[in-house]
Protein backbone atom coordinates (compact mmCIF):
# COMPACT_ATOMS: atom_id res chain seq x y z
CA MET A 1 0.76 14.55 33.71
CA GLU A 2 -1.33 17.20 35.35
CA ALA A 3 -5.01 17.84 34.75
CA GLY A 4 -5.53 19.79 31.57
CA ASP A 5 -2.33 18.53 29.93
CA GLU A 6 -2.78 16.93 26.55
CA ARG A 7 -0.52 14.31 25.07
CA LYS A 8 1.28 15.33 21.93
CA ARG A 9 0.55 12.86 19.17
CA LYS A 10 3.18 11.68 16.75
CA GLY A 11 2.38 10.91 13.15
CA SER A 12 -1.07 10.83 11.66
CA GLY A 13 -3.87 8.35 11.16
CA LEU A 14 -3.66 5.11 13.12
CA ASP A 15 -0.11 5.89 14.25
CA SER A 16 -1.33 8.97 16.11
CA MET A 17 -4.00 7.09 18.04
CA VAL A 18 -3.42 5.84 21.57
CA LEU A 19 -3.95 2.19 22.51
CA PRO A 20 -7.48 2.58 23.97
CA GLU A 21 -8.60 4.35 20.79
CA LEU A 22 -7.13 1.59 18.63
CA LYS A 23 -8.82 -1.08 20.74
CA GLN A 24 -12.15 0.71 20.37
CA LEU A 25 -11.70 0.92 16.60
CA ALA A 26 -10.76 -2.76 16.44
CA SER A 27 -13.90 -3.58 18.38
CA THR A 28 -16.09 -1.63 15.96
CA LEU A 29 -14.46 -3.57 13.11
CA GLY A 30 -15.35 -6.83 14.84
CA LEU A 31 -11.76 -7.87 15.43
CA LYS A 32 -11.30 -10.47 18.18
CA GLY A 33 -8.32 -11.24 20.40
CA THR A 34 -6.95 -7.71 20.39
CA GLY A 35 -6.73 -7.34 24.17
CA ALA A 36 -3.15 -8.61 24.46
CA MET A 37 -1.87 -6.98 21.25
CA ARG A 38 0.78 -4.31 21.29
CA LYS A 39 0.12 -1.06 19.46
CA GLY A 40 1.97 -2.06 16.28
CA GLN A 41 0.21 -5.42 16.13
CA LEU A 42 -3.16 -3.73 16.59
CA ILE A 43 -2.44 -1.24 13.81
CA ASP A 44 -1.46 -4.10 11.50
CA ALA A 45 -4.67 -5.99 12.34
CA ILE A 46 -6.80 -2.90 11.69
CA ARG A 47 -5.07 -2.23 8.37
CA SER A 48 -5.52 -5.86 7.34
CA ALA A 49 -9.22 -5.70 8.20
CA HIS A 50 -9.58 -2.59 6.01
CA VAL A 51 -7.85 -4.33 3.09
CA VAL A 52 -10.06 -7.39 3.40
CA ARG A 53 -13.21 -5.26 3.49
CA ALA A 54 -12.05 -3.24 0.48
CA VAL A 55 -11.38 -6.41 -1.53
CA GLU A 56 -14.78 -7.82 -0.57
CA ARG A 57 -16.53 -4.60 -1.51
CA PHE A 58 -14.75 -3.62 -4.71
CA VAL A 59 -13.46 -6.89 -6.17
CA LEU A 60 -15.45 -9.87 -4.95
CA ALA A 61 -18.88 -8.27 -4.74
CA PRO A 62 -18.97 -6.98 -8.34
CA ALA A 63 -17.51 -10.24 -9.67
CA ALA A 64 -20.19 -12.25 -7.88
CA GLY A 65 -22.97 -9.86 -8.83
CA TRP A 66 -23.44 -8.68 -5.23
CA THR A 67 -24.77 -5.21 -4.73
């Protein structure tokens, strides 16, 4: 690639992100052990982390009286 060229991204959302972007996102989510993951594995881990956080926030917290 020459300077100024931009990569064309396929898909949308996590699928359109490149590996360094996914690793940065995983880091902000506090995921560990992502350094050796392939792109698909990293996307799965990020999606799982989002599901866990959603369950904690919208199911467990209200049931336990957390605010």
